[in-house]
Amino acid sequence: MEANETEKASAWRQGWVVFAVLVVLTLVEFGISVGIPNPWPWLTIVALAKVGLILNYFMRFMNLSVLWWKESEE
């Protein structure tokens, strides 16, 4: 397997792991909303964790400097 294919496989694997974590957090949110009388503080914490994952992985928020470097090289 070439290096490029290995990188693609690693990226896909990481994407699936992030997806699975988001599914688990969604199930936790549902459990909290059904099982706790005043769920808002707990739901806020879980929602912020999900936002962090989405911003970091899918939107590459923590890696914006790479975008600037790529644009400056062109």
PDB file of N, CA and C in Angstrom:
ATOM      1  N   MET A   1       0.844  -1.181   0.000  1.00  0.00           N
ATOM      2  CA  MET A   1       0.000   0.000   0.000  1.00  0.00           C
ATOM      3  C   MET A   1       0.888   1.242   0.000  1.00  0.00           C
ATOM      4  N   GLU A   2       0.594   2.160  -0.880  1.00  0.00           N
ATOM      5  CA  GLU A   2       1.388   3.381  -0.975  1.00  0.00           C
ATOM      6  C   GLU A   2       1.123   4.295   0.211  1.00  0.00           C
ATOM      7  N   ALA A   3       2.011   5.280   0.370  1.00  0.00           N
ATOM      8  CA  ALA A   3       1.856   6.227   1.478  1.00  0.00           C
ATOM      9  C   ALA A   3       0.564   7.018   1.348  1.00  0.00           C
ATOM     10  N   ASN A   4       0.226   7.408   0.122  1.00  0.00           N
ATOM     11  CA  ASN A   4      -0.993   8.184  -0.107  1.00  0.00           C
ATOM     12  C   ASN A   4      -2.232   7.371   0.255  1.00  0.00           C
ATOM     13  N   GLU A   5      -2.231   6.090  -0.114  1.00  0.00           N
ATOM     14  CA  GLU A   5      -3.362   5.230   0.217  1.00  0.00           C
ATOM     15  C   GLU A   5      -3.454   5.002   1.720  1.00  0.00           C
ATOM     16  N   THR A   6      -2.296   4.903   2.375  1.00  0.00           N
ATOM     17  CA  THR A   6      -2.273   4.741   3.828  1.00  0.00           C
ATOM     18  C   THR A   6      -2.847   5.972   4.509  1.00  0.00           C
ATOM     19  N   GLU A   7      -2.498   7.157   4.005  1.00  0.00           N
ATOM     20  CA  GLU A   7      -3.044   8.401   4.567  1.00  0.00           C
ATOM     21  C   GLU A   7      -4.550   8.466   4.380  1.00  0.00           C
ATOM     22  N   LYS A   8      -5.026   8.060   3.195  1.00  0.00           N
ATOM     23  CA  LYS A   8      -6.469   8.068   2.939  1.00  0.00           C
ATOM     24  C   LYS A   8      -7.189   7.094   3.872  1.00  0.00           C
ATOM     25  N   ALA A   9      -6.620   5.908   4.039  1.00  0.00           N
ATOM     26  CA  ALA A   9      -7.235   4.921   4.923  1.00  0.00           C
ATOM     27  C   ALA A   9      -7.259   5.423   6.358  1.00  0.00           C
ATOM     28  N   SER A  10      -6.203   6.075   6.777  1.00  0.00           N
ATOM     29  CA  SER A  10      -6.150   6.636   8.129  1.00  0.00           C
ATOM     30  C   SER A  10      -7.183   7.746   8.305  1.00  0.00           C
ATOM     31  N   ALA A  11      -7.324   8.590   7.288  1.00  0.00           N
ATOM     32  CA  ALA A  11      -8.307   9.672   7.359  1.00  0.00           C
ATOM     33  C   ALA A  11      -9.728   9.112   7.422  1.00  0.00           C
ATOM     34  N   TRP A  12     -10.004   8.076   6.616  1.00  0.00           N
ATOM     35  CA  TRP A  12     -11.330   7.458   6.648  1.00  0.00           C
ATOM     36  C   TRP A  12     -11.604   6.837   8.002  1.00  0.00           C
ATOM     37  N   ARG A  13     -10.591   6.154   8.542  1.00  0.00           N
ATOM     38  CA  ARG A  13     -10.756   5.516   9.851  1.00  0.00           C
ATOM     39  C   ARG A  13     -11.040   6.572  10.915  1.00  0.00           C
ATOM     40  N   GLN A  14     -10.290   7.656  10.874  1.00  0.00           N
ATOM     41  CA  GLN A  14     -10.504   8.724  11.853  1.00  0.00           C
ATOM     42  C   GLN A  14     -11.889   9.333  11.691  1.00  0.00           C
ATOM     43  N   GLY A  15     -12.319   9.493  10.451  1.00  0.00           N
ATOM     44  CA  GLY A  15     -13.663  10.026  10.208  1.00  0.00           C
ATOM     45  C   GLY A  15     -14.741   9.137  10.789  1.00  0.00           C
ATOM     46  N   TRP A  16     -14.591   7.826  10.631  1.00  0.00           N
ATOM     47  CA  TRP A  16     -15.569   6.898  11.187  1.00  0.00           C
ATOM     48  C   TRP A  16     -15.546   6.897  12.707  1.00  0.00           C
ATOM     49  N   VAL A  17     -14.361   7.042  13.281  1.00  0.00           N
ATOM     50  CA  VAL A  17     -14.269   7.107  14.748  1.00  0.00           C
ATOM     51  C   VAL A  17     -14.978   8.359  15.257  1.00  0.00           C
ATOM     52  N   VAL A  18     -14.740   9.486  14.604  1.00  0.00           N
ATOM     53  CA  VAL A  18     -15.408  10.726  15.012  1.00  0.00           C
ATOM     54  C   VAL A  18     -16.916  10.585  14.847  1.00  0.00           C
ATOM     55  N   PHE A  19     -17.350   9.987  13.750  1.00  0.00           N
ATOM     56  CA  PHE A  19     -18.774   9.751  13.537  1.00  0.00           C
ATOM     57  C   PHE A  19     -19.363   8.892  14.654  1.00  0.00           C
ATOM     58  N   ALA A  20     -18.655   7.829  15.023  1.00  0.00           N
ATOM     59  CA  ALA A  20     -19.125   6.943  16.085  1.00  0.00           C
ATOM     60  C   ALA A  20     -19.210   7.679  17.424  1.00  0.00           C
ATOM     61  N   VAL A  21     -18.231   8.522  17.707  1.00  0.00           N
ATOM     62  CA  VAL A  21     -18.264   9.300  18.955  1.00  0.00           C
ATOM     63  C   VAL A  21     -19.453  10.256  18.940  1.00  0.00           C
ATOM     64  N   LEU A  22     -19.731  10.866  17.792  1.00  0.00           N
ATOM     65  CA  LEU A  22     -20.889  11.760  17.694  1.00  0.00           C
ATOM     66  C   LEU A  22     -22.196  10.987  17.898  1.00  0.00           C
ATOM     67  N   VAL A  23     -22.277   9.780  17.375  1.00  0.00           N
ATOM     68  CA  VAL A  23     -23.472   8.954  17.587  1.00  0.00           C
ATOM     69  C   VAL A  23     -23.637   8.637  19.064  1.00  0.00           C
ATOM     70  N   VAL A  24     -22.546   8.248  19.716  1.00  0.00           N
ATOM     71  CA  VAL A  24     -22.607   7.933  21.146  1.00  0.00           C
ATOM     72  C   VAL A  24     -23.019   9.164  21.946  1.00  0.00           C
ATOM     73  N   LEU A  25     -22.445  10.320  21.626  1.00  0.00           N
ATOM     74  CA  LEU A  25     -22.816  11.547  22.344  1.00  0.00           C
ATOM     75  C   LEU A  25     -24.279  11.907  22.118  1.00  0.00           C
ATOM     76  N   THR A  26     -24.792  11.641  20.925  1.00  0.00           N
ATOM     77  CA  THR A  26     -26.210  11.888  20.656  1.00  0.00           C
ATOM     78  C   THR A  26     -27.082  10.963  21.500  1.00  0.00           C
ATOM     79  N   LEU A  27     -26.686   9.707  21.622  1.00  0.00           N
ATOM     80  CA  LEU A  27     -27.434   8.782  22.477  1.00  0.00           C
ATOM     81  C   LEU A  27     -27.366   9.206  23.941  1.00  0.00           C
ATOM     82  N   VAL A  28     -26.212   9.705  24.359  1.00  0.00           N
ATOM     83  CA  VAL A  28     -26.073  10.220  25.730  1.00  0.00           C
ATOM     84  C   VAL A  28     -26.996  11.422  25.918  1.00  0.00           C
ATOM     85  N   GLU A  29     -27.052  12.301  24.929  1.00  0.00           N
ATOM     86  CA  GLU A  29     -27.972  13.449  25.009  1.00  0.00           C
ATOM     87  C   GLU A  29     -29.414  12.992  25.174  1.00  0.00           C
ATOM     88  N   PHE A  30     -29.797  12.001  24.387  1.00  0.00           N
ATOM     89  CA  PHE A  30     -31.162  11.499  24.483  1.00  0.00           C
ATOM     90  C   PHE A  30     -31.425  10.922  25.869  1.00  0.00           C
ATOM     91  N   GLY A  31     -30.477  10.140  26.367  1.00  0.00           N
ATOM     92  CA  GLY A  31     -30.634   9.556  27.697  1.00  0.00           C
ATOM     93  C   GLY A  31     -30.739  10.615  28.776  1.00  0.00           C
ATOM     94  N   ILE A  32     -29.937  11.651  28.660  1.00  0.00           N
ATOM     95  CA  ILE A  32     -29.991  12.741  29.638  1.00  0.00           C
ATOM     96  C   ILE A  32     -31.337  13.449  29.568  1.00  0.00           C
ATOM     97  N   SER A  33     -31.797  13.726  28.347  1.00  0.00           N
ATOM     98  CA  SER A  33     -33.044  14.483  28.209  1.00  0.00           C
ATOM     99  C   SER A  33     -34.249  13.700  28.711  1.00  0.00           C
ATOM    100  N   VAL A  34     -34.196  12.387  28.615  1.00  0.00           N
ATOM    101  CA  VAL A  34     -35.315  11.556  29.063  1.00  0.00           C
ATOM    102  C   VAL A  34     -35.220  11.253  30.555  1.00  0.00           C
ATOM    103  N   GLY A  35     -33.996  11.083  31.059  1.00  0.00           N
ATOM    104  CA  GLY A  35     -33.844  10.551  32.406  1.00  0.00           C
ATOM    105  C   GLY A  35     -33.598  11.544  33.519  1.00  0.00           C
ATOM    106  N   ILE A  36     -33.276  12.782  33.189  1.00  0.00           N
ATOM    107  CA  ILE A  36     -32.943  13.754  34.234  1.00  0.00           C
ATOM    108  C   ILE A  36     -34.004  14.855  34.251  1.00  0.00           C
ATOM    109  N   PRO A  37     -34.504  15.226  35.430  1.00  0.00           N
ATOM    110  CA  PRO A  37     -35.559  16.241  35.504  1.00  0.00           C
ATOM    111  C   PRO A  37     -35.143  17.621  34.972  1.00  0.00           C
ATOM    112  N   ASN A  38     -33.935  18.062  35.256  1.00  0.00           N
ATOM    113  CA  ASN A  38     -33.461  19.363  34.775  1.00  0.00           C
ATOM    114  C   ASN A  38     -32.200  19.136  33.940  1.00  0.00           C
ATOM    115  N   PRO A  39     -32.370  18.794  32.641  1.00  0.00           N
ATOM    116  CA  PRO A  39     -31.225  18.329  31.850  1.00  0.00           C
ATOM    117  C   PRO A  39     -30.367  19.421  31.217  1.00  0.00           C
ATOM    118  N   TRP A  40     -30.786  20.683  31.266  1.00  0.00           N
ATOM    119  CA  TRP A  40     -30.108  21.719  30.476  1.00  0.00           C
ATOM    120  C   TRP A  40     -28.618  21.868  30.744  1.00  0.00           C
ATOM    121  N   PRO A  41     -28.155  21.884  31.981  1.00  0.00           N
ATOM    122  CA  PRO A  41     -26.700  22.012  32.171  1.00  0.00           C
ATOM    123  C   PRO A  41     -25.919  20.847  31.566  1.00  0.00           C
ATOM    124  N   TRP A  42     -26.443  19.634  31.710  1.00  0.00           N
ATOM    125  CA  TRP A  42     -25.763  18.455  31.176  1.00  0.00           C
ATOM    126  C   TRP A  42     -25.830  18.426  29.655  1.00  0.00           C
ATOM    127  N   LEU A  43     -26.965  18.806  29.101  1.00  0.00           N
ATOM    128  CA  LEU A  43     -27.091  18.845  27.644  1.00  0.00           C
ATOM    129  C   LEU A  43     -26.150  19.879  27.035  1.00  0.00           C
ATOM    130  N   THR A  44     -25.947  20.978  27.740  1.00  0.00           N
ATOM    131  CA  THR A  44     -25.026  22.010  27.253  1.00  0.00           C
ATOM    132  C   THR A  44     -23.609  21.467  27.182  1.00  0.00           C
ATOM    133  N   ILE A  45     -23.195  20.725  28.183  1.00  0.00           N
ATOM    134  CA  ILE A  45     -21.844  20.156  28.199  1.00  0.00           C
ATOM    135  C   ILE A  45     -21.663  19.168  27.045  1.00  0.00           C
ATOM    136  N   VAL A  46     -22.637  18.299  26.845  1.00  0.00           N
ATOM    137  CA  VAL A  46     -22.538  17.320  25.763  1.00  0.00           C
ATOM    138  C   VAL A  46     -22.568  18.028  24.407  1.00  0.00           C
ATOM    139  N   ALA A  47     -23.413  19.035  24.263  1.00  0.00           N
ATOM    140  CA  ALA A  47     -23.489  19.766  23.000  1.00  0.00           C
ATOM    141  C   ALA A  47     -22.167  20.480  22.698  1.00  0.00           C
ATOM    142  N   LEU A  48     -21.529  21.040  23.709  1.00  0.00           N
ATOM    143  CA  LEU A  48     -20.239  21.698  23.492  1.00  0.00           C
ATOM    144  C   LEU A  48     -19.163  20.696  23.078  1.00  0.00           C
ATOM    145  N   ALA A  49     -19.219  19.498  23.624  1.00  0.00           N
ATOM    146  CA  ALA A  49     -18.276  18.454  23.205  1.00  0.00           C
ATOM    147  C   ALA A  49     -18.494  18.092  21.737  1.00  0.00           C
ATOM    148  N   LYS A  50     -19.757  17.997  21.334  1.00  0.00           N
ATOM    149  CA  LYS A  50     -20.057  17.692  19.937  1.00  0.00           C
ATOM    150  C   LYS A  50     -19.617  18.824  19.017  1.00  0.00           C
ATOM    151  N   VAL A  51     -19.846  20.043  19.439  1.00  0.00           N
ATOM    152  CA  VAL A  51     -19.416  21.201  18.642  1.00  0.00           C
ATOM    153  C   VAL A  51     -17.900  21.188  18.473  1.00  0.00           C
ATOM    154  N   GLY A  52     -17.191  20.881  19.546  1.00  0.00           N
ATOM    155  CA  GLY A  52     -15.734  20.820  19.468  1.00  0.00           C
ATOM    156  C   GLY A  52     -15.254  19.773  18.469  1.00  0.00           C
ATOM    157  N   LEU A  53     -15.873  18.598  18.491  1.00  0.00           N
ATOM    158  CA  LEU A  53     -15.506  17.557  17.531  1.00  0.00           C
ATOM    159  C   LEU A  53     -15.782  17.981  16.096  1.00  0.00           C
ATOM    160  N   ILE A  54     -16.948  18.556  15.870  1.00  0.00           N
ATOM    161  CA  ILE A  54     -17.315  18.965  14.516  1.00  0.00           C
ATOM    162  C   ILE A  54     -16.394  20.069  14.012  1.00  0.00           C
ATOM    163  N   LEU A  55     -16.132  21.066  14.843  1.00  0.00           N
ATOM    164  CA  LEU A  55     -15.245  22.148  14.427  1.00  0.00           C
ATOM    165  C   LEU A  55     -13.837  21.640  14.160  1.00  0.00           C
ATOM    166  N   ASN A  56     -13.344  20.764  15.008  1.00  0.00           N
ATOM    167  CA  ASN A  56     -11.973  20.300  14.881  1.00  0.00           C
ATOM    168  C   ASN A  56     -11.792  19.342  13.711  1.00  0.00           C
ATOM    169  N   TYR A  57     -12.672  18.382  13.565  1.00  0.00           N
ATOM    170  CA  TYR A  57     -12.457  17.375  12.534  1.00  0.00           C
ATOM    171  C   TYR A  57     -13.056  17.764  11.185  1.00  0.00           C
ATOM    172  N   PHE A  58     -14.344  18.063  11.148  1.00  0.00           N
ATOM    173  CA  PHE A  58     -15.005  18.289   9.871  1.00  0.00           C
ATOM    174  C   PHE A  58     -14.738  19.683   9.301  1.00  0.00           C
ATOM    175  N   MET A  59     -14.558  20.679  10.153  1.00  0.00           N
ATOM    176  CA  MET A  59     -14.325  22.039   9.676  1.00  0.00           C
ATOM    177  C   MET A  59     -12.861  22.445   9.770  1.00  0.00           C
ATOM    178  N   ARG A  60     -12.032  21.582  10.327  1.00  0.00           N
ATOM    179  CA  ARG A  60     -10.594  21.833  10.452  1.00  0.00           C
ATOM    180  C   ARG A  60     -10.309  23.181  11.122  1.00  0.00           C
ATOM    181  N   PHE A  61     -11.100  23.503  12.125  1.00  0.00           N
ATOM    182  CA  PHE A  61     -11.001  24.802  12.794  1.00  0.00           C
ATOM    183  C   PHE A  61      -9.657  24.984  13.499  1.00  0.00           C
ATOM    184  N   MET A  62      -9.147  23.916  14.097  1.00  0.00           N
ATOM    185  CA  MET A  62      -7.897  24.023  14.835  1.00  0.00           C
ATOM    186  C   MET A  62      -6.687  24.012  13.900  1.00  0.00           C
ATOM    187  N   ASN A  63      -6.902  23.816  12.614  1.00  0.00           N
ATOM    188  CA  ASN A  63      -5.809  23.684  11.670  1.00  0.00           C
ATOM    189  C   ASN A  63      -5.898  24.745  10.569  1.00  0.00           C
ATOM    190  N   LEU A  64      -6.391  25.934  10.894  1.00  0.00           N
ATOM    191  CA  LEU A  64      -6.554  26.978   9.893  1.00  0.00           C
ATOM    192  C   LEU A  64      -5.229  27.505   9.365  1.00  0.00           C
ATOM    193  N   SER A  65      -4.175  27.408  10.156  1.00  0.00           N
ATOM    194  CA  SER A  65      -2.885  27.919   9.704  1.00  0.00           C
ATOM    195  C   SER A  65      -2.401  27.179   8.460  1.00  0.00           C
ATOM    196  N   VAL A  66      -2.743  25.900   8.323  1.00  0.00           N
ATOM    197  CA  VAL A  66      -2.345  25.135   7.147  1.00  0.00           C
ATOM    198  C   VAL A  66      -3.011  25.712   5.902  1.00  0.00           C
ATOM    199  N   LEU A  67      -4.255  26.148   6.033  1.00  0.00           N
ATOM    200  CA  LEU A  67      -4.936  26.751   4.888  1.00  0.00           C
ATOM    201  C   LEU A  67      -4.226  28.015   4.429  1.00  0.00           C
ATOM    202  N   TRP A  68      -3.795  28.816   5.367  1.00  0.00           N
ATOM    203  CA  TRP A  68      -3.093  30.041   4.996  1.00  0.00           C
ATOM    204  C   TRP A  68      -1.763  29.724   4.327  1.00  0.00           C
ATOM    205  N   TRP A  69      -1.055  28.712   4.815  1.00  0.00           N
ATOM    206  CA  TRP A  69       0.226  28.348   4.193  1.00  0.00           C
ATOM    207  C   TRP A  69       0.019  27.853   2.776  1.00  0.00           C
ATOM    208  N   LYS A  70      -1.003  27.051   2.540  1.00  0.00           N
ATOM    209  CA  LYS A  70      -1.259  26.531   1.213  1.00  0.00           C
ATOM    210  C   LYS A  70      -1.591  27.655   0.255  1.00  0.00           C
ATOM    211  N   GLU A  71      -2.369  28.641   0.692  1.00  0.00           N
ATOM    212  CA  GLU A  71      -2.726  29.763  -0.174  1.00  0.00           C
ATOM    213  C   GLU A  71      -1.496  30.619  -0.480  1.00  0.00           C
ATOM    214  N   SER A  72      -0.616  30.777   0.474  1.00  0.00           N
ATOM    215  CA  SER A  72       0.554  31.617   0.249  1.00  0.00           C
ATOM    216  C   SER A  72       1.567  30.941  -0.670  1.00  0.00           C
ATOM    217  N   GLU A  73       1.543  29.585  -0.731  1.00  0.00           N
ATOM    218  CA  GLU A  73       2.464  28.866  -1.613  1.00  0.00           C
ATOM    219  C   GLU A  73       2.027  28.927  -3.060  1.00  0.00           C
ATOM    220  N   GLU A  74       0.752  29.130  -3.319  1.00  0.00           N
ATOM    221  CA  GLU A  74       0.239  29.120  -4.707  1.00  0.00           C
ATOM    222  C   GLU A  74       0.557  30.372  -5.446  1.00  0.00           C
TER     223      GLU A  74
END
